[in-house]
Amino acid sequence: MKVAVFLTTDREAADQLLARVRADWPDAAIVGFANDEDREWLAARHAAIELRRDKPPGGKPAFVKSLRREAFDRVVVAWHGGERFQPLRLVALALGRPALAIDDRGRERRVIWWQPWTWAPHLLRRGLRADPLYVARLAASCYRASIGLLLALVWLPLRLLGARAHRRRPGPAA
């Protein structure tokens, strides 16, 4: 069994998460993805675990493709940390493998795109502590994106129909 662990948290919590994953799957090949500052410290404490950079070489799509090729059986992600967005959480979901999230209280959750009740309570709890200006900007950008998409879906077919009708008109009489 091969397990990917995304350590999107501080050093001590990452240390505890690696110890927990090793205890849960003692025979698994575990690959941890940690930031540059913590990787060396964690490697000294967890010699049996392969630790890699969490910064993707070649961009995020190439990173996801390479992770998919490795065929991890399970993905574990630390579902806590600061208020800032952490893209490795989305990478864990994009791998198409069973994703297990462990939050800052030690609770485990299965994370699946089409089952938002598995991850939405944590998002709500974290969102209530977020900066109100950040939340307002996020809501405004989502609103603008959705209105823009809606307008594009209405405007594009009308534009195409108008172009076809224009081509069918006979030219001026000579």
Protein backbone atom coordinates (compact mmCIF):
# COMPACT_ATOMS: atom_id res chain seq x y z
CA MET A 1 0.00 0.00 0.00
CA LYS A 2 1.24 3.48 -0.88
CA VAL A 3 0.05 6.53 1.08
CA ALA A 4 0.55 10.21 0.20
CA VAL A 5 0.46 12.64 3.12
CA PHE A 6 0.05 16.36 2.43
CA LEU A 7 1.46 18.22 5.41
CA THR A 8 -0.30 21.57 5.00
CA THR A 9 0.18 22.62 8.58
CA ASP A 10 2.79 23.75 11.08
CA ARG A 11 5.82 21.65 12.03
CA GLU A 12 4.53 20.07 15.25
CA ALA A 13 1.15 19.14 13.78
CA ALA A 14 2.91 17.66 10.72
CA ASP A 15 5.10 15.59 13.06
CA GLN A 16 2.02 14.26 14.88
CA LEU A 17 0.23 13.52 11.62
CA LEU A 18 3.17 11.51 10.24
CA ALA A 19 3.37 9.53 13.48
CA ARG A 20 -0.36 8.84 13.32
CA VAL A 21 -0.25 7.72 9.68
CA ARG A 22 2.73 5.44 10.42
CA ALA A 23 0.81 3.92 13.35
CA ASP A 24 -2.36 3.43 11.25
CA TRP A 25 -0.52 1.83 8.30
CA PRO A 26 2.75 0.37 9.61
CA ASP A 27 3.53 -1.62 6.45
CA ALA A 28 2.67 1.14 3.97
CA ALA A 29 5.14 3.08 1.86
CA ILE A 30 4.48 6.65 3.03
CA VAL A 31 5.43 9.71 1.00
CA GLY A 32 5.06 13.04 2.77
CA PHE A 33 4.86 16.41 1.00
CA ALA A 34 6.12 19.23 3.22
CA ASN A 35 7.30 22.79 2.79
CA ASP A 36 10.99 23.58 2.43
CA GLU A 37 11.42 24.92 5.97
CA ASP A 38 10.05 21.81 7.71
CA ARG A 39 11.19 18.99 5.44
CA GLU A 40 14.68 18.54 6.90
CA TRP A 41 13.41 18.66 10.49
CA LEU A 42 10.69 16.09 9.73
CA ALA A 43 13.14 13.83 7.87
CA ALA A 44 15.34 13.66 10.98
CA ARG A 45 12.35 12.57 13.08
CA HIS A 46 10.78 10.17 10.53
CA ALA A 47 13.62 8.40 8.74
CA ALA A 48 11.38 5.66 7.29
CA ILE A 49 9.13 8.16 5.52
CA GLU A 50 10.10 9.66 2.17
CA LEU A 51 9.67 13.43 2.30
CA ARG A 52 9.35 15.55 -0.84
CA ARG A 53 8.84 19.19 -1.70
CA ASP A 54 5.27 20.44 -1.74
CA LYS A 55 6.18 22.93 -4.48
CA PRO A 56 5.42 21.31 -7.82
CA PRO A 57 8.16 21.24 -10.46
CA GLY A 58 6.67 22.18 -13.81
CA GLY A 59 3.47 23.67 -12.38
CA LYS A 60 0.44 22.28 -10.62
CA PRO A 61 -1.08 20.29 -13.54
CA ALA A 62 2.24 18.47 -14.06
CA PHE A 63 2.42 17.83 -10.31
CA VAL A 64 -1.06 16.27 -10.26
CA LYS A 65 -0.22 14.14 -13.32
CA SER A 66 2.95 12.84 -11.71
CA LEU A 67 1.07 12.03 -8.50
CA ARG A 68 -1.60 10.17 -10.47
CA ARG A 69 1.09 8.11 -12.22
CA GLU A 70 2.45 7.04 -8.85
CA ALA A 71 -0.92 5.43 -8.07
CA PHE A 72 -1.24 6.17 -4.38
CA ASP A 73 -3.78 3.94 -2.67
CA ARG A 74 -4.71 6.52 -0.09
CA VAL A 75 -4.30 10.27 0.37
CA VAL A 76 -4.16 11.92 3.78
CA VAL A 77 -4.28 15.69 4.12
CA ALA A 78 -3.93 17.91 7.17
CA TRP A 79 -7.16 19.89 7.01
CA HIS A 80 -6.15 22.78 9.21
CA GLY A 81 -3.70 25.59 9.42
CA GLY A 82 -3.99 29.30 8.88
CA GLU A 83 -6.70 31.26 7.16
CA ARG A 84 -4.89 31.30 3.82
CA PHE A 85 -5.83 29.00 0.98
CA GLN A 86 -3.80 25.79 0.73
CA PRO A 87 -3.78 24.27 -2.77
CA LEU A 88 -2.59 20.83 -1.68
CA ARG A 89 -6.07 20.25 -0.28
CA LEU A 90 -7.45 20.54 -3.80
CA VAL A 91 -4.64 18.36 -5.16
CA ALA A 92 -5.66 15.65 -2.69
CA LEU A 93 -9.19 15.76 -4.08
CA ALA A 94 -8.01 15.87 -7.71
CA LEU A 95 -6.04 12.64 -7.40
CA GLY A 96 -9.17 10.52 -7.59
CA ARG A 97 -8.15 8.37 -4.63
CA PRO A 98 -9.86 7.99 -1.27
CA ALA A 99 -8.93 11.17 0.59
CA LEU A 100 -8.88 11.27 4.35
CA ALA A 101 -8.73 14.65 6.06
CA ILE A 102 -7.55 15.00 9.62
CA ASP A 103 -8.46 18.32 11.19
CA ASP A 104 -6.83 20.24 14.02
CA ARG A 105 -8.99 18.43 16.58
CA GLY A 106 -7.80 15.00 15.41
CA ARG A 107 -11.08 14.07 13.73
CA GLU A 108 -11.01 12.10 10.51
CA ARG A 109 -13.26 12.87 7.56
CA ARG A 110 -13.61 11.33 4.15
CA VAL A 111 -13.38 14.09 1.62
CA ILE A 112 -15.29 13.66 -1.63
CA TRP A 113 -16.21 16.39 -4.16
CA TRP A 114 -19.82 15.37 -4.52
CA GLN A 115 -20.39 15.00 -0.77
CA PRO A 116 -19.89 18.50 0.62
CA TRP A 117 -21.22 17.51 4.04
CA THR A 118 -17.91 15.65 4.53
CA TRP A 119 -15.84 18.85 4.37
CA ALA A 120 -18.25 21.79 4.57
CA PRO A 121 -18.61 21.84 8.40
CA HIS A 122 -14.87 22.35 8.76
CA LEU A 123 -14.90 25.02 6.08
CA LEU A 124 -17.73 26.79 7.88
CA ARG A 125 -15.96 26.59 11.24
CA ARG A 126 -12.76 27.98 9.75
CA GLY A 127 -14.67 30.58 7.74
CA LEU A 128 -16.32 32.00 10.85
CA ARG A 129 -12.85 32.94 12.12
CA ALA A 130 -11.78 34.47 8.80
CA ASP A 131 -11.22 38.17 8.24
CA PRO A 132 -14.58 39.69 7.15
CA LEU A 133 -12.90 41.70 4.39
CA TYR A 134 -11.37 38.48 2.98
CA VAL A 135 -14.78 36.79 3.04
CA ALA A 136 -16.40 39.80 1.31
CA ARG A 137 -13.72 39.80 -1.42
CA LEU A 138 -14.16 36.06 -1.94
CA ALA A 139 -17.94 36.40 -2.18
CA ALA A 140 -17.60 39.31 -4.63
CA SER A 141 -15.21 37.39 -6.87
CA CYS A 142 -17.53 34.37 -6.88
CA TYR A 143 -20.47 36.62 -7.70
CA ARG A 144 -18.59 38.31 -10.54
CA ALA A 145 -17.46 34.96 -11.93
CA SER A 146 -20.95 33.47 -11.79
CA ILE A 147 -22.61 36.51 -13.37
CA GLY A 148 -19.91 36.58 -16.06
CA LEU A 149 -20.48 32.91 -16.79
CA LEU A 150 -24.23 33.40 -16.95
CA LEU A 151 -23.89 36.35 -19.31
CA ALA A 152 -21.47 34.40 -21.50
CA LEU A 153 -23.91 31.47 -21.69
CA VAL A 154 -26.69 33.83 -22.79
CA TRP A 155 -24.64 36.14 -25.04
CA LEU A 156 -22.64 33.52 -26.96
CA PRO A 157 -25.63 31.60 -28.43
CA LEU A 158 -27.35 34.90 -29.31
CA ARG A 159 -24.18 36.10 -30.98
CA LEU A 160 -23.85 32.85 -32.96
CA LEU A 161 -27.50 32.97 -34.03
CA GLY A 162 -27.09 36.60 -35.07
CA ALA A 163 -24.03 35.75 -37.18
CA ARG A 164 -25.93 32.97 -38.96
CA ALA A 165 -28.92 35.24 -39.66
CA HIS A 166 -26.58 37.89 -41.05
CA ARG A 167 -25.03 35.38 -43.48
CA ARG A 168 -28.44 34.31 -44.80
CA ARG A 169 -29.61 37.81 -45.77
CA PRO A 170 -29.46 38.52 -49.47
CA GLY A 171 -27.06 41.23 -50.56
CA PRO A 172 -28.16 44.61 -51.98
CA ALA A 173 -29.91 44.50 -55.34
CA ALA A 174 -27.74 45.50 -58.24
